[in-house]
Amino acid sequence: MTRPVGSADGIAWLLMSAMSEWVAEICRELGLELVDQEVTVNQVLDLTADVAHGVARPAAPVTAFLVGLAAGRSARPDETVAELARTLGERAKTWEAREGG
């Protein structure tokens, strides 16, 4: 499918295409196989958006890293990512910082 590069849709498509290629290449280098790359990437992106807006921007990549660690320890990593993205994303939406940390 050809998309007009000068349009917002075209730019978004190019960015997602580049990210898709990047993720596929990194997965190959790391010896990872995702059941559905697009679904997993979207789950992580949604989670990091929720964390960045609900908690703090720097918490987003750290949360993604922690979810990755948990998934790596799981017998079913794709399911672990999906579950953690859902539960942590919901928690981030209602997060209120506690005084005294």
Protein backbone atom coordinates (compact mmCIF):
# COMPACT_ATOMS: atom_id res chain seq x y z
CA MET A 1 0.00 0.00 0.00
CA THR A 2 1.40 3.39 -0.99
CA ARG A 3 0.92 6.24 1.42
CA PRO A 4 1.55 9.91 0.69
CA VAL A 5 4.77 10.71 2.53
CA GLY A 6 3.86 14.37 3.10
CA SER A 7 0.65 13.53 4.94
CA ALA A 8 0.32 12.84 8.66
CA ASP A 9 -0.80 9.30 7.84
CA GLY A 10 2.20 8.85 5.58
CA ILE A 11 4.64 10.05 8.22
CA ALA A 12 3.03 7.86 10.89
CA TRP A 13 3.20 4.88 8.53
CA LEU A 14 6.89 5.50 7.84
CA LEU A 15 7.66 5.76 11.56
CA MET A 16 5.76 2.57 12.37
CA SER A 17 7.40 0.80 9.43
CA ALA A 18 10.86 1.83 10.64
CA MET A 19 10.03 0.73 14.17
CA SER A 20 8.68 -2.59 12.92
CA GLU A 21 11.88 -3.23 10.99
CA TRP A 22 13.97 -2.20 14.01
CA VAL A 23 12.07 -4.50 16.38
CA ALA A 24 12.28 -7.43 13.95
CA GLU A 25 16.04 -6.95 13.55
CA ILE A 26 16.66 -6.63 17.28
CA CYS A 27 14.54 -9.72 17.97
CA ARG A 28 16.66 -11.67 15.48
CA GLU A 29 19.89 -10.46 17.09
CA LEU A 30 18.63 -11.35 20.57
CA GLY A 31 17.17 -14.69 19.48
CA LEU A 32 13.64 -13.66 20.46
CA GLU A 33 10.43 -14.79 18.82
CA LEU A 34 7.29 -12.80 19.46
CA VAL A 35 3.99 -14.54 18.79
CA ASP A 36 2.65 -11.33 17.24
CA GLN A 37 5.17 -8.51 17.01
CA GLU A 38 2.61 -5.81 16.20
CA VAL A 39 0.35 -6.72 19.12
CA THR A 40 3.24 -6.92 21.61
CA VAL A 41 4.73 -3.61 20.45
CA ASN A 42 1.35 -1.90 20.70
CA GLN A 43 0.83 -3.27 24.22
CA VAL A 44 4.20 -1.88 25.31
CA LEU A 45 3.54 1.47 23.62
CA ASP A 46 0.14 1.76 25.28
CA LEU A 47 1.65 0.87 28.65
CA THR A 48 4.45 3.42 28.35
CA ALA A 49 1.97 6.11 27.29
CA ASP A 50 -0.19 5.37 30.35
CA VAL A 51 2.83 5.43 32.66
CA ALA A 52 4.28 8.59 31.12
CA HIS A 53 0.97 10.44 31.53
CA GLY A 54 -0.20 8.90 34.80
CA VAL A 55 3.04 8.58 36.75
CA ALA A 56 6.03 10.37 35.19
CA ARG A 57 7.73 10.34 31.81
CA PRO A 58 10.97 8.78 33.10
CA ALA A 59 8.94 5.95 34.65
CA ALA A 60 7.79 4.78 31.20
CA PRO A 61 11.02 3.20 29.88
CA VAL A 62 11.86 1.85 33.32
CA THR A 63 8.45 0.16 33.51
CA ALA A 64 8.92 -1.30 30.01
CA PHE A 65 12.31 -2.66 31.10
CA LEU A 66 10.79 -4.25 34.22
CA VAL A 67 7.99 -5.81 32.19
CA GLY A 68 10.64 -7.20 29.86
CA LEU A 69 12.52 -8.73 32.79
CA ALA A 70 9.32 -10.32 34.07
CA ALA A 71 8.45 -11.63 30.61
CA GLY A 72 11.92 -13.10 30.25
CA ARG A 73 11.40 -15.12 33.42
CA SER A 74 7.99 -16.37 32.30
CA ALA A 75 7.21 -19.62 30.51
CA ARG A 76 4.70 -17.62 28.43
CA PRO A 77 6.37 -14.24 27.78
CA ASP A 78 3.80 -12.89 25.30
CA GLU A 79 0.98 -13.57 27.75
CA THR A 80 2.99 -12.02 30.57
CA VAL A 81 3.55 -8.83 28.56
CA ALA A 82 -0.15 -8.64 27.72
CA GLU A 83 -1.25 -9.13 31.33
CA LEU A 84 1.31 -6.76 32.83
CA ALA A 85 0.65 -4.11 30.19
CA ARG A 86 -3.05 -4.27 31.02
CA THR A 87 -2.76 -4.27 34.81
CA LEU A 88 0.10 -1.79 35.10
CA GLY A 89 -1.46 0.49 32.49
CA GLU A 90 -4.68 0.59 34.51
CA ARG A 91 -2.72 1.24 37.70
CA ALA A 92 -0.81 4.10 36.05
CA LYS A 93 -4.06 5.75 34.95
CA THR A 94 -5.17 6.05 38.57
CA TRP A 95 -1.73 6.57 40.14
CA GLU A 96 -1.36 9.21 42.81
CA ALA A 97 2.14 9.79 44.15
CA ARG A 98 2.42 9.03 47.82
CA GLU A 99 3.88 11.70 50.04
CA GLY A 100 7.28 10.82 51.37
CA GLY A 101 7.80 8.31 48.52
